[in-house]
Amino acid sequence: MNNEAEIKVKRTQSILLELIPEALAQLNDNRLHDLDIVEVKCSRGRSDAKVYINPVSFSESDKNTYLRQLRKASPIVENFCLKDQGWFRCPKLTFEFDKQFAKSQNIEELFKKIAKDT
């Protein structure tokens, strides 16, 4: 990927990282208002974007419920981003809970245990 294309992808990711929480805050479902969006990764052509959510305070059943709600809400969120930015089209959003976040937290806990034991 050339530099210009990379810059466009990063800019789109940055804009979506700001806009998606704003869009979620305007929905009728209060549960979606305070979701912590940790990262947005766009595909090369910016036609798709994965939206990663902080999984810390959710059980597995909660996660499934939230993902179902987010699938229903994604066209509304996409439309919000489209209108806000005046884009011709918005990336198709896919929501998922960030697995890397949980892994890094587990690693930090292990380091704390090691520090305590020594």
PDB file of N, CA and C in Angstrom:
ATOM      1  N   MET A   1       0.862  -1.172   0.000  1.00  0.00           N
ATOM      2  CA  MET A   1       0.000   0.000   0.000  1.00  0.00           C
ATOM      3  C   MET A   1       0.906   1.231   0.000  1.00  0.00           C
ATOM      4  N   ASN A   2       0.590   2.170  -0.876  1.00  0.00           N
ATOM      5  CA  ASN A   2       1.440   3.369  -0.920  1.00  0.00           C
ATOM      6  C   ASN A   2       1.084   4.321   0.224  1.00  0.00           C
ATOM      7  N   ASN A   3       1.950   5.293   0.426  1.00  0.00           N
ATOM      8  CA  ASN A   3       1.789   6.212   1.548  1.00  0.00           C
ATOM      9  C   ASN A   3       0.471   6.963   1.543  1.00  0.00           C
ATOM     10  N   GLU A   4       0.065   7.442   0.378  1.00  0.00           N
ATOM     11  CA  GLU A   4      -1.178   8.222   0.296  1.00  0.00           C
ATOM     12  C   GLU A   4      -2.382   7.369   0.690  1.00  0.00           C
ATOM     13  N   ALA A   5      -2.421   6.144   0.198  1.00  0.00           N
ATOM     14  CA  ALA A   5      -3.527   5.237   0.537  1.00  0.00           C
ATOM     15  C   ALA A   5      -3.512   4.917   2.027  1.00  0.00           C
ATOM     16  N   GLU A   6      -2.321   4.708   2.577  1.00  0.00           N
ATOM     17  CA  GLU A   6      -2.187   4.436   4.015  1.00  0.00           C
ATOM     18  C   GLU A   6      -2.708   5.598   4.841  1.00  0.00           C
ATOM     19  N   ILE A   7      -2.355   6.793   4.429  1.00  0.00           N
ATOM     20  CA  ILE A   7      -2.792   7.996   5.146  1.00  0.00           C
ATOM     21  C   ILE A   7      -4.318   8.102   5.112  1.00  0.00           C
ATOM     22  N   LYS A   8      -4.918   7.826   3.951  1.00  0.00           N
ATOM     23  CA  LYS A   8      -6.383   7.886   3.833  1.00  0.00           C
ATOM     24  C   LYS A   8      -7.053   6.868   4.746  1.00  0.00           C
ATOM     25  N   VAL A   9      -6.501   5.655   4.805  1.00  0.00           N
ATOM     26  CA  VAL A   9      -7.063   4.608   5.668  1.00  0.00           C
ATOM     27  C   VAL A   9      -6.955   5.038   7.127  1.00  0.00           C
ATOM     28  N   LYS A  10      -5.783   5.526   7.528  1.00  0.00           N
ATOM     29  CA  LYS A  10      -5.587   5.953   8.919  1.00  0.00           C
ATOM     30  C   LYS A  10      -6.504   7.127   9.281  1.00  0.00           C
ATOM     31  N   ARG A  11      -6.681   8.049   8.346  1.00  0.00           N
ATOM     32  CA  ARG A  11      -7.569   9.184   8.593  1.00  0.00           C
ATOM     33  C   ARG A  11      -9.006   8.693   8.775  1.00  0.00           C
ATOM     34  N   THR A  12      -9.435   7.788   7.911  1.00  0.00           N
ATOM     35  CA  THR A  12     -10.791   7.234   8.019  1.00  0.00           C
ATOM     36  C   THR A  12     -10.970   6.517   9.349  1.00  0.00           C
ATOM     37  N   GLN A  13      -9.966   5.727   9.741  1.00  0.00           N
ATOM     38  CA  GLN A  13     -10.041   5.017  11.022  1.00  0.00           C
ATOM     39  C   GLN A  13     -10.166   5.994  12.177  1.00  0.00           C
ATOM     40  N   SER A  14      -9.385   7.048  12.137  1.00  0.00           N
ATOM     41  CA  SER A  14      -9.401   8.055  13.190  1.00  0.00           C
ATOM     42  C   SER A  14     -10.764   8.754  13.274  1.00  0.00           C
ATOM     43  N   ILE A  15     -11.301   9.111  12.126  1.00  0.00           N
ATOM     44  CA  ILE A  15     -12.613   9.778  12.083  1.00  0.00           C
ATOM     45  C   ILE A  15     -13.691   8.850  12.630  1.00  0.00           C
ATOM     46  N   LEU A  16     -13.666   7.581  12.206  1.00  0.00           N
ATOM     47  CA  LEU A  16     -14.668   6.614  12.678  1.00  0.00           C
ATOM     48  C   LEU A  16     -14.550   6.383  14.179  1.00  0.00           C
ATOM     49  N   LEU A  17     -13.322   6.379  14.696  1.00  0.00           N
ATOM     50  CA  LEU A  17     -13.112   6.185  16.131  1.00  0.00           C
ATOM     51  C   LEU A  17     -13.780   7.303  16.938  1.00  0.00           C
ATOM     52  N   GLU A  18     -13.850   8.496  16.358  1.00  0.00           N
ATOM     53  CA  GLU A  18     -14.538   9.613  17.017  1.00  0.00           C
ATOM     54  C   GLU A  18     -16.043   9.566  16.792  1.00  0.00           C
ATOM     55  N   LEU A  19     -16.444   9.263  15.562  1.00  0.00           N
ATOM     56  CA  LEU A  19     -17.864   9.355  15.197  1.00  0.00           C
ATOM     57  C   LEU A  19     -18.731   8.213  15.741  1.00  0.00           C
ATOM     58  N   ILE A  20     -18.188   7.006  15.783  1.00  0.00           N
ATOM     59  CA  ILE A  20     -19.009   5.860  16.190  1.00  0.00           C
ATOM     60  C   ILE A  20     -19.556   6.032  17.611  1.00  0.00           C
ATOM     61  N   PRO A  21     -18.728   6.420  18.608  1.00  0.00           N
ATOM     62  CA  PRO A  21     -19.308   6.653  19.944  1.00  0.00           C
ATOM     63  C   PRO A  21     -20.374   7.744  19.939  1.00  0.00           C
ATOM     64  N   GLU A  22     -20.167   8.799  19.134  1.00  0.00           N
ATOM     65  CA  GLU A  22     -21.184   9.862  19.020  1.00  0.00           C
ATOM     66  C   GLU A  22     -22.492   9.300  18.489  1.00  0.00           C
ATOM     67  N   ALA A  23     -22.385   8.477  17.448  1.00  0.00           N
ATOM     68  CA  ALA A  23     -23.581   7.885  16.834  1.00  0.00           C
ATOM     69  C   ALA A  23     -24.279   6.957  17.820  1.00  0.00           C
ATOM     70  N   LEU A  24     -23.505   6.141  18.538  1.00  0.00           N
ATOM     71  CA  LEU A  24     -24.095   5.211  19.515  1.00  0.00           C
ATOM     72  C   LEU A  24     -24.796   5.969  20.634  1.00  0.00           C
ATOM     73  N   ALA A  25     -24.246   7.115  21.023  1.00  0.00           N
ATOM     74  CA  ALA A  25     -24.824   7.908  22.106  1.00  0.00           C
ATOM     75  C   ALA A  25     -26.191   8.484  21.733  1.00  0.00           C
ATOM     76  N   GLN A  26     -26.472   8.576  20.434  1.00  0.00           N
ATOM     77  CA  GLN A  26     -27.750   9.135  19.989  1.00  0.00           C
ATOM     78  C   GLN A  26     -28.829   8.080  19.767  1.00  0.00           C
ATOM     79  N   LEU A  27     -28.475   6.811  19.904  1.00  0.00           N
ATOM     80  CA  LEU A  27     -29.462   5.749  19.694  1.00  0.00           C
ATOM     81  C   LEU A  27     -30.408   5.638  20.884  1.00  0.00           C
ATOM     82  N   ASN A  28     -31.557   5.023  20.653  1.00  0.00           N
ATOM     83  CA  ASN A  28     -32.558   4.854  21.715  1.00  0.00           C
ATOM     84  C   ASN A  28     -32.132   3.831  22.763  1.00  0.00           C
ATOM     85  N   ASP A  29     -31.261   2.896  22.397  1.00  0.00           N
ATOM     86  CA  ASP A  29     -30.833   1.844  23.315  1.00  0.00           C
ATOM     87  C   ASP A  29     -29.729   2.380  24.229  1.00  0.00           C
ATOM     88  N   ASN A  30     -30.090   2.679  25.477  1.00  0.00           N
ATOM     89  CA  ASN A  30     -29.139   3.267  26.431  1.00  0.00           C
ATOM     90  C   ASN A  30     -27.919   2.388  26.689  1.00  0.00           C
ATOM     91  N   ARG A  31     -28.085   1.074  26.541  1.00  0.00           N
ATOM     92  CA  ARG A  31     -26.961   0.166  26.800  1.00  0.00           C
ATOM     93  C   ARG A  31     -25.796   0.439  25.849  1.00  0.00           C
ATOM     94  N   LEU A  32     -26.095   0.943  24.655  1.00  0.00           N
ATOM     95  CA  LEU A  32     -25.053   1.170  23.659  1.00  0.00           C
ATOM     96  C   LEU A  32     -24.343   2.513  23.821  1.00  0.00           C
ATOM     97  N   HIS A  33     -24.881   3.366  24.676  1.00  0.00           N
ATOM     98  CA  HIS A  33     -24.344   4.722  24.820  1.00  0.00           C
ATOM     99  C   HIS A  33     -22.918   4.758  25.356  1.00  0.00           C
ATOM    100  N   ASP A  34     -22.590   3.869  26.271  1.00  0.00           N
ATOM    101  CA  ASP A  34     -21.302   3.959  26.952  1.00  0.00           C
ATOM    102  C   ASP A  34     -20.301   2.882  26.548  1.00  0.00           C
ATOM    103  N   LEU A  35     -20.515   2.263  25.408  1.00  0.00           N
ATOM    104  CA  LEU A  35     -19.551   1.260  24.966  1.00  0.00           C
ATOM    105  C   LEU A  35     -18.203   1.925  24.702  1.00  0.00           C
ATOM    106  N   ASP A  36     -17.152   1.263  25.115  1.00  0.00           N
ATOM    107  CA  ASP A  36     -15.798   1.794  24.952  1.00  0.00           C
ATOM    108  C   ASP A  36     -15.202   1.240  23.655  1.00  0.00           C
ATOM    109  N   ILE A  37     -15.184   2.064  22.624  1.00  0.00           N
ATOM    110  CA  ILE A  37     -14.606   1.676  21.334  1.00  0.00           C
ATOM    111  C   ILE A  37     -13.101   1.898  21.434  1.00  0.00           C
ATOM    112  N   VAL A  38     -12.317   0.810  21.314  1.00  0.00           N
ATOM    113  CA  VAL A  38     -10.871   0.938  21.501  1.00  0.00           C
ATOM    114  C   VAL A  38     -10.105   1.094  20.198  1.00  0.00           C
ATOM    115  N   GLU A  39     -10.686   0.603  19.093  1.00  0.00           N
ATOM    116  CA  GLU A  39      -9.960   0.690  17.831  1.00  0.00           C
ATOM    117  C   GLU A  39     -10.901   0.460  16.656  1.00  0.00           C
ATOM    118  N   VAL A  40     -10.549   1.058  15.519  1.00  0.00           N
ATOM    119  CA  VAL A  40     -11.269   0.816  14.264  1.00  0.00           C
ATOM    120  C   VAL A  40     -10.214   0.472  13.223  1.00  0.00           C
ATOM    121  N   LYS A  41     -10.403  -0.658  12.538  1.00  0.00           N
ATOM    122  CA  LYS A  41      -9.466  -1.085  11.482  1.00  0.00           C
ATOM    123  C   LYS A  41     -10.220  -1.170  10.165  1.00  0.00           C
ATOM    124  N   CYS A  42      -9.821  -0.345   9.212  1.00  0.00           N
ATOM    125  CA  CYS A  42     -10.446  -0.338   7.891  1.00  0.00           C
ATOM    126  C   CYS A  42      -9.702  -1.285   6.950  1.00  0.00           C
ATOM    127  N   SER A  43     -10.452  -1.822   5.989  1.00  0.00           N
ATOM    128  CA  SER A  43      -9.821  -2.610   4.937  1.00  0.00           C
ATOM    129  C   SER A  43      -9.066  -1.660   4.017  1.00  0.00           C
ATOM    130  N   ARG A  44      -8.267  -2.206   3.141  1.00  0.00           N
ATOM    131  CA  ARG A  44      -7.454  -1.385   2.243  1.00  0.00           C
ATOM    132  C   ARG A  44      -8.273  -0.389   1.435  1.00  0.00           C
ATOM    133  N   GLY A  45      -9.358  -0.844   0.861  1.00  0.00           N
ATOM    134  CA  GLY A  45     -10.187   0.036   0.035  1.00  0.00           C
ATOM    135  C   GLY A  45     -11.195   0.843   0.837  1.00  0.00           C
ATOM    136  N   ARG A  46     -11.137   0.702   2.153  1.00  0.00           N
ATOM    137  CA  ARG A  46     -12.029   1.406   3.086  1.00  0.00           C
ATOM    138  C   ARG A  46     -13.501   1.070   2.856  1.00  0.00           C
ATOM    139  N   SER A  47     -13.763  -0.138   2.336  1.00  0.00           N
ATOM    140  CA  SER A  47     -15.160  -0.528   2.136  1.00  0.00           C
ATOM    141  C   SER A  47     -15.712  -1.230   3.378  1.00  0.00           C
ATOM    142  N   ASP A  48     -14.822  -1.761   4.201  1.00  0.00           N
ATOM    143  CA  ASP A  48     -15.215  -2.438   5.442  1.00  0.00           C
ATOM    144  C   ASP A  48     -14.383  -1.910   6.595  1.00  0.00           C
ATOM    145  N   ALA A  49     -14.982  -1.933   7.778  1.00  0.00           N
ATOM    146  CA  ALA A  49     -14.241  -1.521   8.974  1.00  0.00           C
ATOM    147  C   ALA A  49     -14.666  -2.393  10.147  1.00  0.00           C
ATOM    148  N   LYS A  50     -13.671  -2.902  10.868  1.00  0.00           N
ATOM    149  CA  LYS A  50     -13.949  -3.655  12.097  1.00  0.00           C
ATOM    150  C   LYS A  50     -13.837  -2.680  13.254  1.00  0.00           C
ATOM    151  N   VAL A  51     -14.837  -2.704  14.096  1.00  0.00           N
ATOM    152  CA  VAL A  51     -14.885  -1.817  15.256  1.00  0.00           C
ATOM    153  C   VAL A  51     -14.687  -2.684  16.496  1.00  0.00           C
ATOM    154  N   TYR A  52     -13.608  -2.413  17.226  1.00  0.00           N
ATOM    155  CA  TYR A  52     -13.267  -3.220  18.398  1.00  0.00           C
ATOM    156  C   TYR A  52     -13.731  -2.535  19.678  1.00  0.00           C
ATOM    157  N   ILE A  53     -14.397  -3.335  20.523  1.00  0.00           N
ATOM    158  CA  ILE A  53     -14.986  -2.837  21.770  1.00  0.00           C
ATOM    159  C   ILE A  53     -14.217  -3.419  22.944  1.00  0.00           C
ATOM    160  N   ASN A  54     -14.015  -2.604  23.978  1.00  0.00           N
ATOM    161  CA  ASN A  54     -13.364  -3.060  25.207  1.00  0.00           C
ATOM    162  C   ASN A  54     -14.265  -4.112  25.866  1.00  0.00           C
ATOM    163  N   PRO A  55     -13.764  -5.347  26.054  1.00  0.00           N
ATOM    164  CA  PRO A  55     -14.598  -6.440  26.564  1.00  0.00           C
ATOM    165  C   PRO A  55     -14.621  -6.568  28.088  1.00  0.00           C
ATOM    166  N   VAL A  56     -13.900  -5.728  28.799  1.00  0.00           N
ATOM    167  CA  VAL A  56     -13.611  -5.941  30.207  1.00  0.00           C
ATOM    168  C   VAL A  56     -14.836  -6.234  31.083  1.00  0.00           C
ATOM    169  N   SER A  57     -15.874  -5.456  30.995  1.00  0.00           N
ATOM    170  CA  SER A  57     -16.977  -5.613  31.957  1.00  0.00           C
ATOM    171  C   SER A  57     -18.165  -6.415  31.416  1.00  0.00           C
ATOM    172  N   PHE A  58     -17.916  -7.327  30.466  1.00  0.00           N
ATOM    173  CA  PHE A  58     -19.026  -8.062  29.856  1.00  0.00           C
ATOM    174  C   PHE A  58     -18.863  -9.568  29.998  1.00  0.00           C
ATOM    175  N   SER A  59     -19.968 -10.239  30.335  1.00  0.00           N
ATOM    176  CA  SER A  59     -19.974 -11.707  30.329  1.00  0.00           C
ATOM    177  C   SER A  59     -20.187 -12.155  28.883  1.00  0.00           C
ATOM    178  N   GLU A  60     -20.030 -13.447  28.629  1.00  0.00           N
ATOM    179  CA  GLU A  60     -20.206 -13.952  27.261  1.00  0.00           C
ATOM    180  C   GLU A  60     -21.628 -13.716  26.756  1.00  0.00           C
ATOM    181  N   SER A  61     -22.634 -13.914  27.622  1.00  0.00           N
ATOM    182  CA  SER A  61     -24.013 -13.703  27.180  1.00  0.00           C
ATOM    183  C   SER A  61     -24.280 -12.223  26.906  1.00  0.00           C
ATOM    184  N   ASP A  62     -23.681 -11.346  27.730  1.00  0.00           N
ATOM    185  CA  ASP A  62     -23.791  -9.898  27.482  1.00  0.00           C
ATOM    186  C   ASP A  62     -23.202  -9.556  26.120  1.00  0.00           C
ATOM    187  N   LYS A  63     -22.027 -10.116  25.840  1.00  0.00           N
ATOM    188  CA  LYS A  63     -21.352  -9.826  24.574  1.00  0.00           C
ATOM    189  C   LYS A  63     -22.243 -10.189  23.394  1.00  0.00           C
ATOM    190  N   ASN A  64     -22.869 -11.363  23.461  1.00  0.00           N
ATOM    191  CA  ASN A  64     -23.745 -11.789  22.359  1.00  0.00           C
ATOM    192  C   ASN A  64     -24.928 -10.847  22.189  1.00  0.00           C
ATOM    193  N   THR A  65     -25.511 -10.419  23.305  1.00  0.00           N
ATOM    194  CA  THR A  65     -26.639  -9.484  23.262  1.00  0.00           C
ATOM    195  C   THR A  65     -26.211  -8.163  22.636  1.00  0.00           C
ATOM    196  N   TYR A  66     -25.076  -7.643  23.077  1.00  0.00           N
ATOM    197  CA  TYR A  66     -24.573  -6.372  22.534  1.00  0.00           C
ATOM    198  C   TYR A  66     -24.265  -6.481  21.049  1.00  0.00           C
ATOM    199  N   LEU A  67     -23.634  -7.569  20.647  1.00  0.00           N
ATOM    200  CA  LEU A  67     -23.290  -7.730  19.226  1.00  0.00           C
ATOM    201  C   LEU A  67     -24.548  -7.798  18.365  1.00  0.00           C
ATOM    202  N   ARG A  68     -25.593  -8.449  18.881  1.00  0.00           N
ATOM    203  CA  ARG A  68     -26.873  -8.506  18.151  1.00  0.00           C
ATOM    204  C   ARG A  68     -27.451  -7.102  17.983  1.00  0.00           C
ATOM    205  N   GLN A  69     -27.442  -6.322  19.068  1.00  0.00           N
ATOM    206  CA  GLN A  69     -27.953  -4.950  19.024  1.00  0.00           C
ATOM    207  C   GLN A  69     -27.132  -4.088  18.069  1.00  0.00           C
ATOM    208  N   LEU A  70     -25.815  -4.261  18.114  1.00  0.00           N
ATOM    209  CA  LEU A  70     -24.933  -3.469  17.254  1.00  0.00           C
ATOM    210  C   LEU A  70     -25.122  -3.822  15.782  1.00  0.00           C
ATOM    211  N   ARG A  71     -25.390  -5.092  15.486  1.00  0.00           N
ATOM    212  CA  ARG A  71     -25.667  -5.478  14.090  1.00  0.00           C
ATOM    213  C   ARG A  71     -26.908  -4.764  13.579  1.00  0.00           C
ATOM    214  N   LYS A  72     -27.924  -4.676  14.445  1.00  0.00           N
ATOM    215  CA  LYS A  72     -29.152  -3.974  14.060  1.00  0.00           C
ATOM    216  C   LYS A  72     -28.904  -2.477  13.886  1.00  0.00           C
ATOM    217  N   ALA A  73     -28.036  -1.919  14.738  1.00  0.00           N
ATOM    218  CA  ALA A  73     -27.802  -0.470  14.749  1.00  0.00           C
ATOM    219  C   ALA A  73     -26.773  -0.025  13.711  1.00  0.00           C
ATOM    220  N   SER A  74     -26.000  -0.941  13.159  1.00  0.00           N
ATOM    221  CA  SER A  74     -24.893  -0.525  12.281  1.00  0.00           C
ATOM    222  C   SER A  74     -25.335   0.309  11.073  1.00  0.00           C
ATOM    223  N   PRO A  75     -26.479   0.024  10.413  1.00  0.00           N
ATOM    224  CA  PRO A  75     -26.875   0.916   9.313  1.00  0.00           C
ATOM    225  C   PRO A  75     -27.133   2.354   9.783  1.00  0.00           C
ATOM    226  N   ILE A  76     -27.665   2.513  10.979  1.00  0.00           N
ATOM    227  CA  ILE A  76     -27.936   3.840  11.525  1.00  0.00           C
ATOM    228  C   ILE A  76     -26.612   4.554  11.820  1.00  0.00           C
ATOM    229  N   VAL A  77     -25.661   3.826  12.387  1.00  0.00           N
ATOM    230  CA  VAL A  77     -24.343   4.388  12.704  1.00  0.00           C
ATOM    231  C   VAL A  77     -23.625   4.769  11.409  1.00  0.00           C
ATOM    232  N   GLU A  78     -23.688   3.891  10.407  1.00  0.00           N
ATOM    233  CA  GLU A  78     -23.060   4.175   9.110  1.00  0.00           C
ATOM    234  C   GLU A  78     -23.659   5.435   8.487  1.00  0.00           C
ATOM    235  N   ASN A  79     -24.980   5.555   8.557  1.00  0.00           N
ATOM    236  CA  ASN A  79     -25.673   6.717   8.007  1.00  0.00           C
ATOM    237  C   ASN A  79     -25.258   7.994   8.738  1.00  0.00           C
ATOM    238  N   PHE A  80     -25.116   7.910  10.054  1.00  0.00           N
ATOM    239  CA  PHE A  80     -24.660   9.050  10.858  1.00  0.00           C
ATOM    240  C   PHE A  80     -23.284   9.515  10.369  1.00  0.00           C
ATOM    241  N   CYS A  81     -22.362   8.578  10.192  1.00  0.00           N
ATOM    242  CA  CYS A  81     -20.996   8.907   9.743  1.00  0.00           C
ATOM    243  C   CYS A  81     -21.020   9.499   8.341  1.00  0.00           C
ATOM    244  N   LEU A  82     -21.843   8.941   7.487  1.00  0.00           N
ATOM    245  CA  LEU A  82     -21.969   9.413   6.107  1.00  0.00           C
ATOM    246  C   LEU A  82     -22.405  10.874   6.085  1.00  0.00           C
ATOM    247  N   LYS A  83     -23.467  11.179   6.833  1.00  0.00           N
ATOM    248  CA  LYS A  83     -23.996  12.549   6.854  1.00  0.00           C
ATOM    249  C   LYS A  83     -23.012  13.512   7.505  1.00  0.00           C
ATOM    250  N   ASP A  84     -22.389  13.072   8.609  1.00  0.00           N
ATOM    251  CA  ASP A  84     -21.473  13.955   9.337  1.00  0.00           C
ATOM    252  C   ASP A  84     -20.275  14.349   8.471  1.00  0.00           C
ATOM    253  N   GLN A  85     -19.743  13.408   7.718  1.00  0.00           N
ATOM    254  CA  GLN A  85     -18.536  13.661   6.936  1.00  0.00           C
ATOM    255  C   GLN A  85     -18.818  14.061   5.495  1.00  0.00           C
ATOM    256  N   GLY A  86     -20.067  13.894   5.043  1.00  0.00           N
ATOM    257  CA  GLY A  86     -20.388  14.189   3.652  1.00  0.00           C
ATOM    258  C   GLY A  86     -19.736  13.197   2.695  1.00  0.00           C
ATOM    259  N   TRP A  87     -19.488  11.981   3.200  1.00  0.00           N
ATOM    260  CA  TRP A  87     -18.871  10.941   2.375  1.00  0.00           C
ATOM    261  C   TRP A  87     -19.844  10.439   1.326  1.00  0.00           C
ATOM    262  N   PHE A  88     -19.294   9.905   0.251  1.00  0.00           N
ATOM    263  CA  PHE A  88     -20.105   9.264  -0.790  1.00  0.00           C
ATOM    264  C   PHE A  88     -20.620   7.923  -0.266  1.00  0.00           C
ATOM    265  N   ARG A  89     -19.742   7.213   0.462  1.00  0.00           N
ATOM    266  CA  ARG A  89     -20.169   5.985   1.124  1.00  0.00           C
ATOM    267  C   ARG A  89     -19.352   5.784   2.384  1.00  0.00           C
ATOM    268  N   CYS A  90     -19.926   5.040   3.306  1.00  0.00           N
ATOM    269  CA  CYS A  90     -19.279   4.766   4.587  1.00  0.00           C
ATOM    270  C   CYS A  90     -18.845   3.301   4.584  1.00  0.00           C
ATOM    271  N   PRO A  91     -17.719   2.991   5.225  1.00  0.00           N
ATOM    272  CA  PRO A  91     -17.341   1.581   5.324  1.00  0.00           C
ATOM    273  C   PRO A  91     -18.436   0.773   6.019  1.00  0.00           C
ATOM    274  N   LYS A  92     -18.603  -0.469   5.607  1.00  0.00           N
ATOM    275  CA  LYS A  92     -19.553  -1.374   6.266  1.00  0.00           C
ATOM    276  C   LYS A  92     -18.944  -1.749   7.611  1.00  0.00           C
ATOM    277  N   LEU A  93     -19.648  -1.432   8.682  1.00  0.00           N
ATOM    278  CA  LEU A  93     -19.109  -1.632  10.025  1.00  0.00           C
ATOM    279  C   LEU A  93     -19.429  -3.025  10.561  1.00  0.00           C
ATOM    280  N   THR A  94     -18.429  -3.651  11.145  1.00  0.00           N
ATOM    281  CA  THR A  94     -18.589  -4.932  11.830  1.00  0.00           C
ATOM    282  C   THR A  94     -18.065  -4.736  13.243  1.00  0.00           C
ATOM    283  N   PHE A  95     -18.906  -5.041  14.222  1.00  0.00           N
ATOM    284  CA  PHE A  95     -18.517  -4.844  15.616  1.00  0.00           C
ATOM    285  C   PHE A  95     -18.052  -6.163  16.215  1.00  0.00           C
ATOM    286  N   GLU A  96     -16.985  -6.101  17.019  1.00  0.00           N
ATOM    287  CA  GLU A  96     -16.560  -7.271  17.774  1.00  0.00           C
ATOM    288  C   GLU A  96     -15.812  -6.833  19.030  1.00  0.00           C
ATOM    289  N   PHE A  97     -15.794  -7.745  19.993  1.00  0.00           N
ATOM    290  CA  PHE A  97     -15.078  -7.441  21.230  1.00  0.00           C
ATOM    291  C   PHE A  97     -13.604  -7.734  21.014  1.00  0.00           C
ATOM    292  N   ASP A  98     -12.759  -6.853  21.516  1.00  0.00           N
ATOM    293  CA  ASP A  98     -11.314  -6.917  21.294  1.00  0.00           C
ATOM    294  C   ASP A  98     -10.687  -8.028  22.129  1.00  0.00           C
ATOM    295  N   LYS A  99     -10.202  -9.066  21.466  1.00  0.00           N
ATOM    296  CA  LYS A  99      -9.573 -10.183  22.167  1.00  0.00           C
ATOM    297  C   LYS A  99      -8.173  -9.818  22.647  1.00  0.00           C
ATOM    298  N   GLN A 100      -7.481  -8.956  21.923  1.00  0.00           N
ATOM    299  CA  GLN A 100      -6.130  -8.535  22.301  1.00  0.00           C
ATOM    300  C   GLN A 100      -6.143  -7.792  23.633  1.00  0.00           C
ATOM    301  N   PHE A 101      -7.191  -7.020  23.866  1.00  0.00           N
ATOM    302  CA  PHE A 101      -7.301  -6.241  25.096  1.00  0.00           C
ATOM    303  C   PHE A 101      -7.303  -7.176  26.308  1.00  0.00           C
ATOM    304  N   ALA A 102      -8.098  -8.232  26.239  1.00  0.00           N
ATOM    305  CA  ALA A 102      -8.178  -9.191  27.341  1.00  0.00           C
ATOM    306  C   ALA A 102      -6.834  -9.894  27.528  1.00  0.00           C
ATOM    307  N   LYS A 103      -6.182 -10.241  26.421  1.00  0.00           N
ATOM    308  CA  LYS A 103      -4.880 -10.911  26.511  1.00  0.00           C
ATOM    309  C   LYS A 103      -3.859 -10.018  27.197  1.00  0.00           C
ATOM    310  N   SER A 104      -3.824  -8.741  26.822  1.00  0.00           N
ATOM    311  CA  SER A 104      -2.835  -7.841  27.423  1.00  0.00           C
ATOM    312  C   SER A 104      -3.114  -7.651  28.910  1.00  0.00           C
ATOM    313  N   GLN A 105      -4.382  -7.662  29.295  1.00  0.00           N
ATOM    314  CA  GLN A 105      -4.711  -7.536  30.713  1.00  0.00           C
ATOM    315  C   GLN A 105      -4.251  -8.771  31.481  1.00  0.00           C
ATOM    316  N   ASN A 106      -4.425  -9.961  30.881  1.00  0.00           N
ATOM    317  CA  ASN A 106      -3.964 -11.191  31.522  1.00  0.00           C
ATOM    318  C   ASN A 106      -2.453 -11.166  31.707  1.00  0.00           C
ATOM    319  N   ILE A 107      -1.747 -10.678  30.714  1.00  0.00           N
ATOM    320  CA  ILE A 107      -0.285 -10.593  30.794  1.00  0.00           C
ATOM    321  C   ILE A 107       0.115  -9.645  31.924  1.00  0.00           C
ATOM    322  N   GLU A 108      -0.566  -8.503  32.026  1.00  0.00           N
ATOM    323  CA  GLU A 108      -0.266  -7.545  33.098  1.00  0.00           C
ATOM    324  C   GLU A 108      -0.487  -8.174  34.473  1.00  0.00           C
ATOM    325  N   GLU A 109      -1.575  -8.953  34.604  1.00  0.00           N
ATOM    326  CA  GLU A 109      -1.855  -9.616  35.883  1.00  0.00           C
ATOM    327  C   GLU A 109      -0.764 -10.620  36.218  1.00  0.00           C
ATOM    328  N   LEU A 110      -0.274 -11.347  35.204  1.00  0.00           N
ATOM    329  CA  LEU A 110       0.810 -12.299  35.422  1.00  0.00           C
ATOM    330  C   LEU A 110       2.070 -11.583  35.914  1.00  0.00           C
ATOM    331  N   PHE A 111       2.376 -10.445  35.300  1.00  0.00           N
ATOM    332  CA  PHE A 111       3.550  -9.679  35.718  1.00  0.00           C
ATOM    333  C   PHE A 111       3.403  -9.220  37.170  1.00  0.00           C
ATOM    334  N   LYS A 112       2.197  -8.822  37.561  1.00  0.00           N
ATOM    335  CA  LYS A 112       1.971  -8.385  38.942  1.00  0.00           C
ATOM    336  C   LYS A 112       2.189  -9.546  39.907  1.00  0.00           C
ATOM    337  N   LYS A 113       1.704 -10.742  39.538  1.00  0.00           N
ATOM    338  CA  LYS A 113       1.893 -11.926  40.380  1.00  0.00           C
ATOM    339  C   LYS A 113       3.379 -12.266  40.518  1.00  0.00           C
ATOM    340  N   ILE A 114       4.086 -12.180  39.406  1.00  0.00           N
ATOM    341  CA  ILE A 114       5.522 -12.470  39.415  1.00  0.00           C
ATOM    342  C   ILE A 114       6.245 -11.483  40.327  1.00  0.00           C
ATOM    343  N   ALA A 115       5.895 -10.203  40.195  1.00  0.00           N
ATOM    344  CA  ALA A 115       6.523  -9.173  41.026  1.00  0.00           C
ATOM    345  C   ALA A 115       6.246  -9.417  42.507  1.00  0.00           C
ATOM    346  N   LYS A 116       5.053  -9.884  42.821  1.00  0.00           N
ATOM    347  CA  LYS A 116       4.688 -10.152  44.213  1.00  0.00           C
ATOM    348  C   LYS A 116       5.469 -11.324  44.766  1.00  0.00           C
ATOM    349  N   ASP A 117       5.664 -12.352  43.937  1.00  0.00           N
ATOM    350  CA  ASP A 117       6.330 -13.578  44.365  1.00  0.00           C
ATOM    351  C   ASP A 117       7.836 -13.411  44.550  1.00  0.00           C
ATOM    352  N   THR A 118       8.427 -12.412  43.910  1.00  0.00           N
ATOM    353  CA  THR A 118       9.890 -12.269  44.029  1.00  0.00           C
ATOM    354  C   THR A 118      10.293 -11.334  45.140  1.00  0.00           C
TER     355      THR A 118
END
